[in-house]
C-alpha atoms as a PDB file:
ATOM      1  CA  MET A   1      28.816 -75.878-183.063  1.00  0.00           C
ATOM      2  CA  ASN A   2      26.080 -76.488-180.334  1.00  0.00           C
ATOM      3  CA  PHE A   3      25.731 -72.594-180.522  1.00  0.00           C
ATOM      4  CA  ILE A   4      25.687 -72.553-184.301  1.00  0.00           C
ATOM      5  CA  ILE A   5      22.918 -75.036-184.493  1.00  0.00           C
ATOM      6  CA  SER A   6      20.740 -73.236-182.161  1.00  0.00           C
ATOM      7  CA  LEU A   7      21.252 -69.975-183.809  1.00  0.00           C
ATOM      8  CA  PHE A   8      20.179 -72.018-187.101  1.00  0.00           C
ATOM      9  CA  ILE A   9      17.159 -73.009-185.526  1.00  0.00           C
ATOM     10  CA  ILE A  10      16.069 -69.693-184.096  1.00  0.00           C
ATOM     11  CA  LEU A  11      16.997 -67.811-187.480  1.00  0.00           C
ATOM     12  CA  SER A  12      15.368 -70.349-189.832  1.00  0.00           C
ATOM     13  CA  ILE A  13      12.107 -70.227-187.850  1.00  0.00           C
ATOM     14  CA  THR A  14      12.339 -66.331-187.517  1.00  0.00           C
ATOM     15  CA  PHE A  15      12.889 -65.941-191.488  1.00  0.00           C
ATOM     16  CA  ALA A  16      10.061 -68.358-192.215  1.00  0.00           C
ATOM     17  CA  ILE A  17       7.563 -66.063-190.256  1.00  0.00           C
ATOM     18  CA  GLN A  18       8.948 -62.711-191.698  1.00  0.00           C
ATOM     19  CA  LEU A  19       8.280 -64.345-195.112  1.00  0.00           C
ATOM     20  CA  ARG A  20       4.758 -65.954-194.209  1.00  0.00           C
ATOM     21  CA  PHE A  21       3.358 -63.164-192.230  1.00  0.00           C
ATOM     22  CA  LYS A  22       4.998 -60.455-193.637  1.00  0.00           C
ATOM     23  CA  ARG A  23       6.810 -59.235-190.404  1.00  0.00           C
ATOM     24  CA  THR A  24      10.005 -57.536-189.864  1.00  0.00           C
ATOM     25  CA  PHE A  25      12.865 -59.348-188.157  1.00  0.00           C
ATOM     26  CA  ALA A  26      12.643 -57.686-184.826  1.00  0.00           C
ATOM     27  CA  GLU A  27       8.872 -58.483-184.624  1.00  0.00           C
ATOM     28  CA  ALA A  28       9.564 -62.251-185.677  1.00  0.00           C
ATOM     29  CA  ILE A  29      12.349 -62.997-183.586  1.00  0.00           C
ATOM     30  CA  SER A  30      10.665 -63.458-180.232  1.00  0.00           C
ATOM     31  CA  VAL A  31       7.587 -65.414-181.877  1.00  0.00           C
ATOM     32  CA  SER A  32      10.368 -67.678-183.129  1.00  0.00           C
ATOM     33  CA  ILE A  33      11.766 -68.097-179.751  1.00  0.00           C
ATOM     34  CA  PHE A  34       8.353 -68.474-178.226  1.00  0.00           C
ATOM     35  CA  THR A  35       7.712 -71.458-181.016  1.00  0.00           C
ATOM     36  CA  ILE A  36      10.882 -73.171-179.814  1.00  0.00           C
ATOM     37  CA  ILE A  37       9.775 -73.082-176.225  1.00  0.00           C
ATOM     38  CA  MET A  38       6.336 -74.114-176.974  1.00  0.00           C
ATOM     39  CA  THR A  39       7.588 -76.979-179.156  1.00  0.00           C
ATOM     40  CA  LEU A  40      10.052 -78.131-176.494  1.00  0.00           C
ATOM     41  CA  TYR A  41       7.296 -78.074-173.636  1.00  0.00           C
ATOM     42  CA  LEU A  42       4.574 -79.878-175.592  1.00  0.00           C
ATOM     43  CA  VAL A  43       6.785 -82.523-177.043  1.00  0.00           C
ATOM     44  CA  THR A  44       8.709 -82.883-173.830  1.00  0.00           C
ATOM     45  CA  LEU A  45       5.149 -84.024-172.198  1.00  0.00           C
ATOM     46  CA  PHE A  46       5.486 -87.153-174.288  1.00  0.00           C
ATOM     47  CA  LEU A  47       9.041 -87.576-175.217  1.00  0.00           C
ATOM     48  CA  PRO A  48      12.418 -87.344-173.627  1.00  0.00           C
ATOM     49  CA  LEU A  49      13.693 -83.705-174.094  1.00  0.00           C
ATOM     50  CA  THR A  50      16.602 -84.813-176.509  1.00  0.00           C
ATOM     51  CA  TYR A  51      13.760 -85.645-179.017  1.00  0.00           C
ATOM     52  CA  SER A  52      11.844 -82.437-178.362  1.00  0.00           C
ATOM     53  CA  ALA A  53      15.141 -80.833-179.470  1.00  0.00           C
ATOM     54  CA  TYR A  54      15.819 -82.766-182.384  1.00  0.00           C
ATOM     55  CA  PHE A  55      11.941 -82.088-183.294  1.00  0.00           C
ATOM     56  CA  THR A  56      12.478 -78.160-183.186  1.00  0.00           C
ATOM     57  CA  LEU A  57      15.647 -79.132-185.559  1.00  0.00           C
ATOM     58  CA  GLY A  58      13.146 -80.759-188.051  1.00  0.00           C
ATOM     59  CA  ILE A  59      11.091 -77.623-187.674  1.00  0.00           C
ATOM     60  CA  ALA A  60      13.840 -75.395-188.604  1.00  0.00           C
ATOM     61  CA  ALA A  61      14.961 -77.648-191.515  1.00  0.00           C
ATOM     62  CA  ILE A  62      11.502 -77.265-192.951  1.00  0.00           C
ATOM     63  CA  ALA A  63      11.376 -73.574-192.110  1.00  0.00           C
ATOM     64  CA  PHE A  64      14.897 -73.248-194.067  1.00  0.00           C
ATOM     65  CA  LEU A  65      13.519 -74.948-196.988  1.00  0.00           C
ATOM     66  CA  TYR A  66      10.425 -72.894-196.841  1.00  0.00           C
ATOM     67  CA  CYS A  67      12.708 -69.852-197.201  1.00  0.00           C
ATOM     68  CA  ILE A  68      14.600 -71.415-200.263  1.00  0.00           C
ATOM     69  CA  PHE A  69      11.479 -72.300-201.870  1.00  0.00           C
ATOM     70  CA  TYR A  70       9.670 -68.990-201.510  1.00  0.00           C
ATOM     71  CA  ILE A  71      12.890 -67.085-202.853  1.00  0.00           C
ATOM     72  CA  ILE A  72      13.264 -69.271-205.655  1.00  0.00           C
ATOM     73  CA  ILE A  73       9.453 -68.689-206.510  1.00  0.00           C
ATOM     74  CA  ASN A  74       9.508 -64.894-205.890  1.00  0.00           C
ATOM     75  CA  TRP A  75      13.032 -64.152-207.096  1.00  0.00           C
ATOM     76  CA  SER A  76      11.857 -61.274-209.463  1.00  0.00           C
ATOM     77  CA  THR A  77       9.978 -59.495-206.920  1.00  0.00           C
ATOM     78  CA  ILE A  78      11.453 -60.423-203.464  1.00  0.00           C
ATOM     79  CA  ASN A  79      13.127 -57.583-201.730  1.00  0.00           C
ATOM     80  CA  PHE A  80      16.196 -59.153-200.044  1.00  0.00           C
ATOM     81  CA  LYS A  81      16.549 -55.866-197.885  1.00  0.00           C
ATOM     82  CA  ILE A  82      14.173 -57.464-195.642  1.00  0.00           C
ATOM     83  CA  PHE A  83      16.787 -60.249-194.577  1.00  0.00           C
ATOM     84  CA  PHE A  84      19.302 -57.559-193.475  1.00  0.00           C
ATOM     85  CA  PRO A  85      17.710 -54.767-191.624  1.00  0.00           C
ATOM     86  CA  TYR A  86      20.065 -53.309-188.869  1.00  0.00           C
ATOM     87  CA  SER A  87      18.015 -55.006-186.235  1.00  0.00           C
ATOM     88  CA  PHE A  88      19.299 -58.513-187.711  1.00  0.00           C
ATOM     89  CA  LEU A  89      22.949 -57.012-187.837  1.00  0.00           C
ATOM     90  CA  TYR A  90      22.715 -55.746-184.332  1.00  0.00           C
ATOM     91  CA  PHE A  91      21.305 -59.016-183.162  1.00  0.00           C
ATOM     92  CA  LEU A  92      24.315 -60.823-184.796  1.00  0.00           C
ATOM     93  CA  VAL A  93      26.867 -58.645-183.502  1.00  0.00           C
ATOM     94  CA  CYS A  94      25.125 -59.169-180.106  1.00  0.00           C
ATOM     95  CA  CYS A  95      25.242 -62.960-180.592  1.00  0.00           C
ATOM     96  CA  VAL A  96      28.934 -63.095-181.334  1.00  0.00           C
ATOM     97  CA  PHE A  97      29.659 -61.149-178.174  1.00  0.00           C
ATOM     98  CA  ILE A  98      27.420 -63.244-176.119  1.00  0.00           C
ATOM     99  CA  ASN A  99      28.981 -66.423-177.501  1.00  0.00           C
ATOM    100  CA  PHE A 100      32.510 -65.249-176.326  1.00  0.00           C
ATOM    101  CA  SER A 101      31.371 -63.663-173.191  1.00  0.00           C
ATOM    102  CA  PHE A 102      29.807 -66.552-171.774  1.00  0.00           C
ATOM    103  CA  ASN A 103      32.205 -69.392-172.724  1.00  0.00           C
ATOM    104  CA  ASN A 104      33.500 -69.879-169.242  1.00  0.00           C
ATOM    105  CA  ARG A 105      30.684 -68.313-167.159  1.00  0.00           C
ATOM    106  CA  LEU A 106      29.815 -70.269-164.141  1.00  0.00           C
ATOM    107  CA  ALA A 107      27.009 -70.437-161.925  1.00  0.00           C
ATOM    108  CA  THR A 108      28.396 -68.508-158.709  1.00  0.00           C
ATOM    109  CA  GLY A 109      25.370 -66.709-157.057  1.00  0.00           C
ATOM    110  CA  TRP A 110      23.021 -68.737-154.388  1.00  0.00           C
ATOM    111  CA  ASP A 111      20.082 -68.430-156.443  1.00  0.00           C
ATOM    112  CA  GLU A 112      21.972 -69.407-159.372  1.00  0.00           C
ATOM    113  CA  PHE A 113      23.696 -72.901-158.450  1.00  0.00           C
ATOM    114  CA  SER A 114      20.993 -73.983-155.629  1.00  0.00           C
ATOM    115  CA  HIS A 115      18.090 -74.177-157.850  1.00  0.00           C
ATOM    116  CA  TRP A 116      18.318 -72.486-161.273  1.00  0.00           C
ATOM    117  CA  MET A 117      21.270 -74.082-162.772  1.00  0.00           C
ATOM    118  CA  LEU A 118      20.453 -77.449-160.772  1.00  0.00           C
ATOM    119  CA  VAL A 119      17.122 -77.512-162.861  1.00  0.00           C
ATOM    120  CA  ILE A 120      18.753 -77.274-166.258  1.00  0.00           C
ATOM    121  CA  LYS A 121      21.507 -79.658-165.325  1.00  0.00           C
ATOM    122  CA  ASN A 122      18.574 -81.919-164.467  1.00  0.00           C
ATOM    123  CA  MET A 123      16.954 -81.365-167.731  1.00  0.00           C
ATOM    124  CA  TYR A 124      20.172 -82.149-169.693  1.00  0.00           C
ATOM    125  CA  PHE A 125      20.987 -85.225-167.679  1.00  0.00           C
ATOM    126  CA  PHE A 126      17.533 -86.948-166.979  1.00  0.00           C
ATOM    127  CA  LYS A 127      16.029 -85.444-170.494  1.00  0.00           C
ATOM    128  CA  ASN A 128      12.834 -84.179-169.026  1.00  0.00           C
ATOM    129  CA  PHE A 129      11.548 -81.081-167.294  1.00  0.00           C
ATOM    130  CA  GLY A 130      14.282 -81.160-164.436  1.00  0.00           C
ATOM    131  CA  VAL A 131      11.610 -81.737-161.618  1.00  0.00           C
ATOM    132  CA  GLY A 132       9.849 -84.747-160.615  1.00  0.00           C
ATOM    133  CA  GLU A 133      10.623 -88.362-159.345  1.00  0.00           C
ATOM    134  CA  TYR A 134      13.077 -89.058-161.805  1.00  0.00           C
ATOM    135  CA  THR A 135      15.260 -86.060-161.110  1.00  0.00           C
ATOM    136  CA  THR A 136      17.145 -84.810-157.760  1.00  0.00           C
ATOM    137  CA  THR A 137      14.820 -82.015-157.583  1.00  0.00           C
ATOM    138  CA  MET A 138      11.123 -81.668-156.802  1.00  0.00           C
ATOM    139  CA  PHE A 139       8.897 -78.522-157.508  1.00  0.00           C
ATOM    140  CA  THR A 140       4.897 -78.010-157.741  1.00  0.00           C
ATOM    141  CA  GLY A 141       3.721 -75.913-160.554  1.00  0.00           C
ATOM    142  CA  TYR A 142       7.417 -74.842-161.539  1.00  0.00           C
ATOM    143  CA  PRO A 143       7.091 -73.302-165.042  1.00  0.00           C
ATOM    144  CA  PRO A 144      10.044 -74.367-167.195  1.00  0.00           C
ATOM    145  CA  ALA A 145       9.834 -71.770-169.877  1.00  0.00           C
ATOM    146  CA  THR A 146      12.853 -69.941-169.510  1.00  0.00           C
ATOM    147  CA  GLY A 147      14.771 -73.137-168.129  1.00  0.00           C
ATOM    148  CA  LEU A 148      13.765 -75.044-171.107  1.00  0.00           C
ATOM    149  CA  PHE A 149      15.187 -72.317-173.479  1.00  0.00           C
ATOM    150  CA  GLU A 150      18.566 -72.153-171.362  1.00  0.00           C
ATOM    151  CA  CYS A 151      18.862 -75.939-171.585  1.00  0.00           C
ATOM    152  CA  PHE A 152      18.144 -75.934-175.473  1.00  0.00           C
ATOM    153  CA  PHE A 153      21.335 -74.239-175.744  1.00  0.00           C
ATOM    154  CA  THR A 154      23.376 -76.992-174.341  1.00  0.00           C
ATOM    155  CA  ILE A 155      21.143 -79.964-175.679  1.00  0.00           C
ATOM    156  CA  PHE A 156      23.285 -80.124-178.696  1.00  0.00           C
ATOM    157  CA  SER A 157      26.519 -80.551-176.953  1.00  0.00           C
ATOM    158  CA  PRO A 158      28.203 -83.716-175.799  1.00  0.00           C
ATOM    159  CA  TYR A 159      28.730 -82.236-172.394  1.00  0.00           C
ATOM    160  CA  PHE A 160      26.973 -79.817-169.933  1.00  0.00           C
ATOM    161  CA  VAL A 161      28.567 -76.370-170.116  1.00  0.00           C
ATOM    162  CA  GLU A 162      27.035 -73.826-167.553  1.00  0.00           C
ATOM    163  CA  GLY A 163      28.068 -70.830-170.013  1.00  0.00           C
ATOM    164  CA  ASN A 164      25.604 -72.085-172.732  1.00  0.00           C
ATOM    165  CA  THR A 165      22.712 -71.922-170.390  1.00  0.00           C
ATOM    166  CA  TYR A 166      23.467 -67.850-169.932  1.00  0.00           C
ATOM    167  CA  LYS A 167      23.817 -67.696-173.834  1.00  0.00           C
ATOM    168  CA  GLY A 168      20.491 -68.894-173.969  1.00  0.00           C
ATOM    169  CA  LEU A 169      19.121 -66.695-171.487  1.00  0.00           C
ATOM    170  CA  ASN A 170      20.667 -63.834-173.149  1.00  0.00           C
ATOM    171  CA  ILE A 171      19.445 -64.288-176.437  1.00  0.00           C
ATOM    172  CA  LEU A 172      16.285 -64.779-175.164  1.00  0.00           C
ATOM    173  CA  LEU A 173      16.492 -61.219-173.436  1.00  0.00           C
ATOM    174  CA  LEU A 174      17.897 -59.980-176.558  1.00  0.00           C
ATOM    175  CA  SER A 175      14.957 -61.079-178.653  1.00  0.00           C
ATOM    176  CA  LEU A 176      12.483 -58.973-176.442  1.00  0.00           C
ATOM    177  CA  LEU A 177      14.925 -55.862-176.261  1.00  0.00           C
ATOM    178  CA  ILE A 178      15.139 -55.237-180.225  1.00  0.00           C
ATOM    179  CA  SER A 179      11.668 -54.601-180.634  1.00  0.00           C
ATOM    180  CA  PRO A 180      12.161 -50.784-181.084  1.00  0.00           C
ATOM    181  CA  LEU A 181      14.333 -51.617-183.921  1.00  0.00           C
ATOM    182  CA  LYS A 182      11.812 -53.117-185.980  1.00  0.00           C
ATOM    183  CA  ASP A 183      11.549 -49.810-188.343  1.00  0.00           C
ATOM    184  CA  ASN A 184      14.113 -49.041-190.891  1.00  0.00           C
ATOM    185  CA  LYS A 185      12.889 -45.317-190.440  1.00  0.00           C
ATOM    186  CA  LEU A 186      13.333 -44.058-186.954  1.00  0.00           C
ATOM    187  CA  ASN A 187      10.881 -41.080-185.570  1.00  0.00           C
ATOM    188  CA  PHE A 188      11.553 -39.589-181.983  1.00  0.00           C
ATOM    189  CA  LYS A 189       9.470 -42.069-180.218  1.00  0.00           C
ATOM    190  CA  THR A 190      11.221 -45.461-181.486  1.00  0.00           C
ATOM    191  CA  GLY A 191      14.614 -43.613-181.358  1.00  0.00           C
ATOM    192  CA  LEU A 192      13.889 -42.952-177.709  1.00  0.00           C
ATOM    193  CA  LEU A 193      12.928 -46.495-177.135  1.00  0.00           C
ATOM    194  CA  SER A 194      16.159 -47.850-179.269  1.00  0.00           C
ATOM    195  CA  LEU A 195      18.309 -45.755-176.984  1.00  0.00           C
ATOM    196  CA  PHE A 196      16.852 -47.520-174.109  1.00  0.00           C
ATOM    197  CA  VAL A 197      17.819 -51.017-176.075  1.00  0.00           C
ATOM    198  CA  PHE A 198      21.487 -50.020-176.097  1.00  0.00           C
ATOM    199  CA  LEU A 199      21.423 -48.717-172.624  1.00  0.00           C
ATOM    200  CA  SER A 200      20.011 -51.867-171.293  1.00  0.00           C
ATOM    201  CA  ILE A 201      22.420 -54.266-172.808  1.00  0.00           C
ATOM    202  CA  PRO A 202      25.331 -53.881-170.186  1.00  0.00           C
ATOM    203  CA  MET A 203      22.995 -55.144-167.822  1.00  0.00           C
ATOM    204  CA  LEU A 204      22.808 -58.570-169.394  1.00  0.00           C
ATOM    205  CA  PHE A 205      26.562 -59.023-168.393  1.00  0.00           C
ATOM    206  CA  TYR A 206      26.290 -57.469-164.830  1.00  0.00           C
ATOM    207  CA  THR A 207      26.350 -60.680-162.942  1.00  0.00           C
ATOM    208  CA  PRO A 208      24.904 -59.320-159.689  1.00  0.00           C
ATOM    209  CA  TYR A 209      21.622 -58.258-161.619  1.00  0.00           C
ATOM    210  CA  THR A 210      21.428 -61.017-163.805  1.00  0.00           C
ATOM    211  CA  SER A 211      21.257 -63.509-161.060  1.00  0.00           C
ATOM    212  CA  LEU A 212      17.849 -62.011-160.652  1.00  0.00           C
ATOM    213  CA  TYR A 213      16.453 -63.666-163.612  1.00  0.00           C
ATOM    214  CA  VAL A 214      12.639 -63.077-162.892  1.00  0.00           C
ATOM    215  CA  ASP A 215      13.255 -59.395-162.190  1.00  0.00           C
ATOM    216  CA  CYS A 216      15.466 -59.074-165.389  1.00  0.00           C
ATOM    217  CA  ILE A 217      13.001 -60.902-167.566  1.00  0.00           C
ATOM    218  CA  LEU A 218       9.823 -59.255-166.103  1.00  0.00           C
ATOM    219  CA  GLY A 219      11.236 -55.962-166.372  1.00  0.00           C
ATOM    220  CA  ILE A 220      12.208 -56.341-170.112  1.00  0.00           C
ATOM    221  CA  MET A 221       8.845 -57.860-170.864  1.00  0.00           C
ATOM    222  CA  PHE A 222       7.328 -54.938-169.367  1.00  0.00           C
ATOM    223  CA  ALA A 223       9.384 -52.410-171.096  1.00  0.00           C
ATOM    224  CA  ARG A 224       8.399 -54.348-174.558  1.00  0.00           C
ATOM    225  CA  LEU A 225       4.813 -54.276-173.651  1.00  0.00           C
ATOM    226  CA  VAL A 226       4.865 -50.346-172.926  1.00  0.00           C
ATOM    227  CA  TYR A 227       6.856 -50.063-176.382  1.00  0.00           C
ATOM    228  CA  ILE A 228       4.059 -52.044-178.341  1.00  0.00           C
ATOM    229  CA  SER A 229       1.400 -50.251-176.706  1.00  0.00           C
ATOM    230  CA  ILE A 230       2.652 -46.859-177.875  1.00  0.00           C
ATOM    231  CA  SER A 231       4.014 -47.756-181.059  1.00  0.00           C
END
């Protein structure tokens, strides 16, 4: 249920962005996740992280109602194919795979359990950014963006499950990877970059590499920027 709630929030905001700004799913999904991270960050500056998570749920509910209202108003003219591009179907298939693959995943690498997972656990238990006087860790200038989104995938669960944090991380990476799939008609350029997407997916499940979160995320973001600059 925790995973379903998180996906509901992401997809509701994504579809609202699609309809409002006339964007494709592959373009809107990363903006949706950025919106969630920024909402969690800004609200948690003033309120406990649990409140921030439910605040995002409220935004998703408004986004969902907006989508329903938009469809009702534009029923005769709306093209429902925009809701089911192959990038969306690809995203759903990957989400199902991610959900079952990381159920029992534990932090085993030194970088994972020594500080990455420790910060996220602190976020969950202390309901804040996971650093500072009310937690067991202290950092200066520690950006919480990725950790916040990983914690977002645990916050609706009654107990902390390490595997849920990996689900959040991989959903974030997947949202960046599917940019080349934004077009329904592929030319050579987008086809080549789409191939990069499919070849990159296995690395999300390769433990020795995914333990290097910073390198992995920066590499994928760089590839995404290259694609945007030449597409």
